[in-house]
């Protein structure tokens, strides 16, 4: 079913799909580890900005947006864009999507 109308034989699809998964698995594991590391860092940032009140932690109003952006850039959560402008050409796009500026 998945390859119907594509000109790809189902057996070929699954072989290629398995190869693609094998090729990308190491990178995916590294990206998931990086995501976990970033989340722990962000959790720690906000936990450190919390205050004790009657034995319970309550979030304190975080710093300014600029302060938070500096922090997120420092830990690598926000990075500078690389490359130039790009366009995606999709010939059969749903009308409601194609109308978004």
Protein backbone atom coordinates (compact mmCIF):
# COMPACT_ATOMS: atom_id res chain seq x y z
CA UNK A 1 0.00 0.00 0.00
CA UNK A 2 2.68 2.50 0.96
CA UNK A 3 4.45 2.33 -2.42
CA UNK A 4 1.32 2.21 -4.55
CA UNK A 5 1.45 4.71 -7.40
CA UNK A 6 5.08 5.66 -6.76
CA UNK A 7 6.70 3.28 -9.23
CA UNK A 8 8.66 1.74 -6.34
CA UNK A 9 8.30 -1.97 -5.66
CA UNK A 10 7.19 -2.61 -2.05
CA UNK A 11 10.20 -4.89 -1.41
CA UNK A 12 12.57 -2.16 -2.63
CA UNK A 13 10.86 0.41 -0.45
CA UNK A 14 11.36 -1.57 2.75
CA UNK A 15 15.00 -2.39 1.92
CA UNK A 16 15.77 1.29 1.23
CA UNK A 17 13.79 2.39 4.27
CA UNK A 18 15.77 0.03 6.50
CA UNK A 19 19.04 1.32 5.02
CA UNK A 20 17.98 4.92 5.62
CA UNK A 21 17.07 4.19 9.24
CA UNK A 22 20.44 2.49 9.81
CA UNK A 23 22.29 5.46 8.29
CA UNK A 24 20.44 8.03 10.38
CA UNK A 25 20.25 6.16 13.69
CA UNK A 26 23.58 7.40 15.13
CA UNK A 27 22.82 11.01 14.23
CA UNK A 28 19.33 10.68 15.68
CA UNK A 29 20.68 9.29 18.96
CA UNK A 30 23.14 12.21 19.19
CA UNK A 31 20.36 14.70 18.52
CA UNK A 32 18.13 13.13 21.17
CA UNK A 33 21.00 13.26 23.67
CA UNK A 34 21.58 16.94 22.81
CA UNK A 35 17.86 17.65 23.26
CA UNK A 36 17.92 15.99 26.71
CA UNK A 37 21.02 17.98 27.67
CA UNK A 38 19.40 21.26 26.59
CA UNK A 39 16.19 20.42 28.48
CA UNK A 40 18.11 19.64 31.68
CA UNK A 41 19.97 22.93 31.37
CA UNK A 42 16.77 24.91 30.80
CA UNK A 43 15.05 23.14 33.71
CA UNK A 44 18.03 23.99 35.94
CA UNK A 45 17.94 27.64 34.77
CA UNK A 46 14.31 28.07 35.81
CA UNK A 47 14.70 25.98 38.96
CA UNK A 48 17.55 28.28 40.02
CA UNK A 49 15.25 31.25 39.44
CA UNK A 50 12.59 29.87 41.78
CA UNK A 51 12.07 31.05 45.34
CA UNK A 52 11.24 29.21 48.54
CA UNK A 53 8.04 30.25 50.27
CA UNK A 54 6.83 28.29 53.30
CA UNK A 55 8.91 25.29 52.27
CA UNK A 56 7.69 25.19 48.67
CA UNK A 57 9.36 26.34 45.47
CA UNK A 58 7.51 28.89 43.40
CA UNK A 59 8.63 30.27 40.07
CA UNK A 60 9.97 33.75 40.30
CA UNK A 61 9.31 36.08 37.44
CA UNK A 62 12.11 35.18 35.06
CA UNK A 63 14.53 37.75 33.74
CA UNK A 64 13.95 39.85 30.73
CA UNK A 65 13.45 38.26 27.34
CA UNK A 66 16.88 39.58 26.36
CA UNK A 67 18.46 37.87 29.37
CA UNK A 68 16.76 34.60 28.53
CA UNK A 69 17.81 34.87 24.88
CA UNK A 70 21.44 35.37 25.92
CA UNK A 71 21.19 32.27 28.09
CA UNK A 72 19.56 30.19 25.33
CA UNK A 73 22.25 31.29 22.87
CA UNK A 74 25.00 30.47 25.38
CA UNK A 75 23.78 26.88 25.81
CA UNK A 76 23.27 26.42 22.06
CA UNK A 77 19.46 26.30 22.08
CA UNK A 78 19.33 29.32 19.80
CA UNK A 79 21.94 29.36 17.06
CA UNK A 80 22.70 31.72 14.22
CA UNK A 81 21.12 30.77 10.92
CA UNK A 82 23.53 29.46 8.36
CA UNK A 83 23.07 29.76 4.66
CA UNK A 84 20.98 32.21 2.75
CA UNK A 85 17.37 32.55 1.86
CA UNK A 86 15.68 29.50 0.41
CA UNK A 87 12.44 28.56 -1.23
CA UNK A 88 10.49 25.34 -1.28
CA UNK A 89 8.57 24.52 -4.44
CA UNK A 90 5.71 22.10 -3.84
CA UNK A 91 3.60 21.61 -6.96
CA UNK A 92 0.51 20.14 -5.28
CA UNK A 93 0.00 22.11 -2.10
CA UNK A 94 -3.32 22.40 -0.27
CA UNK A 95 -4.96 25.79 -1.00
CA UNK A 96 -5.21 26.75 2.68
CA UNK A 97 -1.46 26.29 3.06
CA UNK A 98 -0.54 28.00 -0.20
CA UNK A 99 -2.35 31.18 0.91
CA UNK A 100 -0.12 31.66 3.98
CA UNK A 101 2.27 34.54 3.25
